[in-house]
Protein backbone atom coordinates (compact mmCIF):
# COMPACT_ATOMS: atom_id res chain seq x y z
CA MET A 1 0.00 0.00 0.00
CA ALA A 2 1.24 3.46 -0.88
CA LEU A 3 0.93 6.78 0.86
CA ARG A 4 -2.33 8.57 0.15
CA VAL A 5 -1.53 12.22 -0.64
CA VAL A 6 -4.09 15.01 -1.04
CA SER A 7 -3.07 18.51 -2.13
CA LEU A 8 -5.14 21.22 -0.47
CA GLU A 9 -6.40 24.40 -2.17
CA ILE A 10 -2.84 25.68 -1.90
CA PRO A 11 -1.23 22.68 -3.61
CA GLU A 12 2.14 22.92 -1.87
CA VAL A 13 0.38 22.06 1.41
CA LYS A 14 -0.43 18.36 1.44
CA VAL A 15 -2.28 15.91 3.66
CA ILE A 16 -0.57 12.54 3.81
CA VAL A 17 -2.18 9.37 5.11
CA PRO A 18 0.30 6.53 5.61
CA PRO A 19 -1.17 3.02 5.38
CA ARG A 20 -1.95 1.14 8.56
CA PHE A 21 -1.74 -2.60 8.93
CA GLY A 22 -3.96 -3.90 11.69
CA ASP A 23 -4.91 -7.10 13.41
CA HIS A 24 -6.29 -8.18 16.78
CA ARG A 25 -3.35 -6.47 18.55
CA GLY A 26 -3.82 -3.02 17.03
CA TYR A 27 -1.95 -1.59 14.04
CA PHE A 28 1.46 -0.79 12.59
CA SER A 29 2.15 2.28 10.44
CA GLU A 30 5.35 3.55 8.87
CA THR A 31 4.74 7.26 9.48
CA TYR A 32 7.80 8.52 7.63
CA ASN A 33 10.03 6.96 5.01
CA GLN A 34 12.22 9.39 3.10
CA LYS A 35 12.18 7.33 -0.11
CA ASN A 36 8.37 7.07 -0.12
CA PHE A 37 7.95 10.79 0.59
CA HIS A 38 10.40 11.70 -2.19
CA GLU A 39 8.38 9.54 -4.60
CA VAL A 40 5.35 11.78 -3.94
CA GLU A 41 7.53 14.92 -4.23
CA ILE A 42 7.62 15.82 -0.54
CA ILE A 43 11.28 16.59 -0.11
CA ALA A 44 12.73 17.85 3.15
CA ASP A 45 15.77 16.86 5.16
CA PHE A 46 14.22 16.65 8.61
CA VAL A 47 16.65 17.43 11.45
CA GLN A 48 14.50 17.86 14.55
CA ASP A 49 11.35 16.32 16.06
CA ASN A 50 9.08 18.33 18.36
CA GLN A 51 6.11 17.31 20.50
CA SER A 52 3.48 19.29 22.39
CA LEU A 53 0.60 18.52 24.72
CA SER A 54 -2.41 20.82 24.84
CA SER A 55 -4.67 19.88 27.72
CA GLN A 56 -7.74 21.97 26.85
CA VAL A 57 -10.07 21.86 23.87
CA GLY A 58 -9.74 25.14 21.98
CA THR A 59 -6.02 25.61 22.61
CA VAL A 60 -4.58 27.62 19.72
CA ARG A 61 -0.87 27.58 18.94
CA GLY A 62 0.16 29.86 16.10
CA LEU A 63 0.51 31.41 13.68
CA HIS A 64 4.24 30.74 13.90
CA PHE A 65 7.19 30.94 11.52
CA GLN A 66 10.97 30.87 11.50
CA ALA A 67 12.58 33.49 9.25
CA PRO A 68 15.42 32.58 6.89
CA PRO A 69 18.06 31.30 7.19
CA PHE A 70 16.20 29.19 9.79
CA ALA A 71 12.94 28.78 7.85
CA GLN A 72 11.30 25.42 8.48
CA ALA A 73 9.15 22.96 6.58
CA LYS A 74 7.00 20.86 8.92
CA LEU A 75 5.45 17.40 8.85
CA VAL A 76 2.76 17.39 11.55
CA ARG A 77 0.81 14.45 13.00
CA VAL A 78 -1.40 13.85 16.01
CA LEU A 79 -0.41 11.18 18.51
CA GLN A 80 -3.47 11.62 20.74
CA GLY A 81 -6.65 13.61 20.15
CA ALA A 82 -7.38 15.87 17.18
CA VAL A 83 -6.50 19.29 15.78
CA LEU A 84 -7.53 21.70 13.09
CA ASP A 85 -4.20 22.45 11.43
CA VAL A 86 -3.81 25.74 9.52
CA ALA A 87 -1.21 26.97 7.02
CA VAL A 88 -1.11 30.53 5.65
CA ASP A 89 0.87 31.35 2.51
CA ALA A 90 3.39 34.04 3.47
CA ARG A 91 5.44 33.95 0.26
CA GLU A 92 5.55 37.40 -1.32
CA GLY A 93 4.72 37.12 -5.02
CA SER A 94 2.75 33.90 -4.60
CA PRO A 95 -0.72 33.89 -6.22
CA THR A 96 -2.07 32.57 -2.90
CA TYR A 97 -0.23 35.05 -0.63
CA GLY A 98 -2.31 35.67 2.50
CA LYS A 99 -4.63 32.74 1.79
CA TRP A 100 -5.03 29.88 4.24
CA VAL A 101 -5.88 26.20 4.15
CA SER A 102 -6.80 23.84 6.95
CA ALA A 103 -7.15 20.13 7.59
CA GLU A 104 -8.39 18.11 10.51
CA LEU A 105 -5.75 15.70 11.81
CA THR A 106 -6.65 12.91 14.22
CA ALA A 107 -4.75 10.22 16.05
CA GLU A 108 -7.50 7.80 15.10
CA GLU A 109 -7.05 8.23 11.33
CA GLY A 110 -3.31 9.03 11.29
CA GLU A 111 -3.39 11.94 8.84
CA GLN A 112 -0.33 14.16 8.57
CA ILE A 113 0.12 17.56 6.99
CA PHE A 114 3.18 18.81 5.17
CA VAL A 115 3.66 22.57 5.49
CA PRO A 116 6.54 23.85 3.32
CA ARG A 117 8.87 26.72 4.11
CA GLY A 118 7.29 30.13 3.52
CA PHE A 119 4.06 29.42 5.40
CA LEU A 120 2.72 30.54 8.76
CA HIS A 121 1.56 27.53 10.77
CA GLY A 122 -0.81 26.97 13.66
CA PHE A 123 -3.37 24.58 15.06
CA ALA A 124 -6.38 24.47 17.37
CA THR A 125 -7.16 21.44 19.50
CA LEU A 126 -10.48 19.70 18.97
CA MET A 127 -10.14 17.23 21.86
CA PRO A 128 -8.71 17.45 25.38
CA ASP A 129 -5.17 16.23 26.07
CA THR A 130 -4.13 16.43 22.43
CA ILE A 131 -0.53 15.52 21.66
CA ILE A 132 1.06 16.48 18.36
CA SER A 133 4.44 15.56 16.97
CA TYR A 134 6.14 17.29 14.10
CA LYS A 135 9.34 17.03 12.16
CA VAL A 136 11.12 20.17 10.95
CA ASP A 137 13.86 20.56 8.37
CA ASN A 138 15.83 23.27 10.18
CA TYR A 139 16.84 23.92 13.76
CA TYR A 140 14.96 26.31 16.03
CA SER A 141 16.47 29.79 16.35
CA GLY A 142 15.02 32.20 18.92
CA PRO A 143 16.10 35.36 17.07
CA HIS A 144 14.38 34.06 13.89
CA ASP A 145 11.15 33.00 15.62
CA GLY A 146 8.05 35.03 14.87
CA SER A 147 4.28 34.96 14.90
CA VAL A 148 1.27 36.60 13.31
CA LEU A 149 -2.00 37.12 15.18
CA TRP A 150 -3.98 33.88 15.02
CA ASN A 151 -7.38 35.62 14.79
CA ASP A 152 -6.37 38.51 12.52
CA PRO A 153 -9.55 39.71 10.77
CA GLU A 154 -7.69 40.21 7.49
CA LEU A 155 -6.86 36.49 7.36
CA ASN A 156 -10.37 35.54 8.57
CA ILE A 157 -9.40 31.98 9.51
CA ASP A 158 -12.26 29.72 10.58
CA TRP A 159 -10.76 28.06 13.66
CA ARG A 160 -14.07 26.31 14.43
CA MET A 161 -14.18 27.89 17.89
CA SER A 162 -17.88 28.67 18.15
CA ASP A 163 -18.31 26.19 21.03
CA HIS A 164 -15.07 26.98 22.89
CA GLN A 165 -13.26 29.90 24.43
CA PRO A 166 -9.81 29.96 22.78
CA VAL A 167 -6.83 29.21 25.04
CA VAL A 168 -3.87 31.21 23.73
CA SER A 169 -0.38 32.03 25.01
CA GLU A 170 0.51 35.63 25.81
CA LYS A 171 2.99 35.58 22.91
CA ASP A 172 0.29 34.51 20.44
CA GLU A 173 -2.31 36.89 21.87
CA HIS A 174 0.03 39.86 21.23
CA ALA A 175 1.47 38.76 17.87
CA GLN A 176 1.72 41.21 14.99
CA LYS A 177 -1.16 41.81 12.62
CA PHE A 178 -0.86 40.41 9.12
CA THR A 179 -0.95 43.96 7.67
CA ASP A 180 2.15 44.78 9.78
CA PHE A 181 3.94 41.55 8.85
CA LYS A 182 6.99 42.14 6.65
CA THR A 183 7.37 38.72 5.10
CA PRO A 184 10.89 37.32 4.78
CA PHE A 185 9.60 34.69 2.30
CA HIS A 186 9.41 34.91 -1.49
CA ALA A 187 7.72 32.70 -4.07
């Protein structure tokens, strides 16, 4: 069985569903294989794995980016729970600059999302005690870390929060507006 890959409305952002092989014990899934990912034209040299736990439904983390030369592509998956994962095109000159796409990722189904360099990234938890894991293709650099306001009206992202009060860090609550964002990314 091969990877199932779905390009979103911004085709560089892709949802990947690795096959699962199950029996009475549970399942086995090869969540990342460089050769298989290269065959479907997802090419990144991942150097770091990150993991986060968000205990409350409605926790929003984002919209984050790392500026060049520490820009990062990400491969995100959910180990427990579910998220709405969001990517915003921040590449100046791109026909989809300032547009966003989203996908629901669940531990139950095993979906992953590939977010290339040049995108803002964030997620909102849909279940309590959600754990995500993500690979990145560049190391974290504090001086190159940045964020854009998650609920900026210009972006008008549907975070599906009508039933929950968002839980946001102070950093994310006071992030810059998209209109003030001087993108370091180019198409």
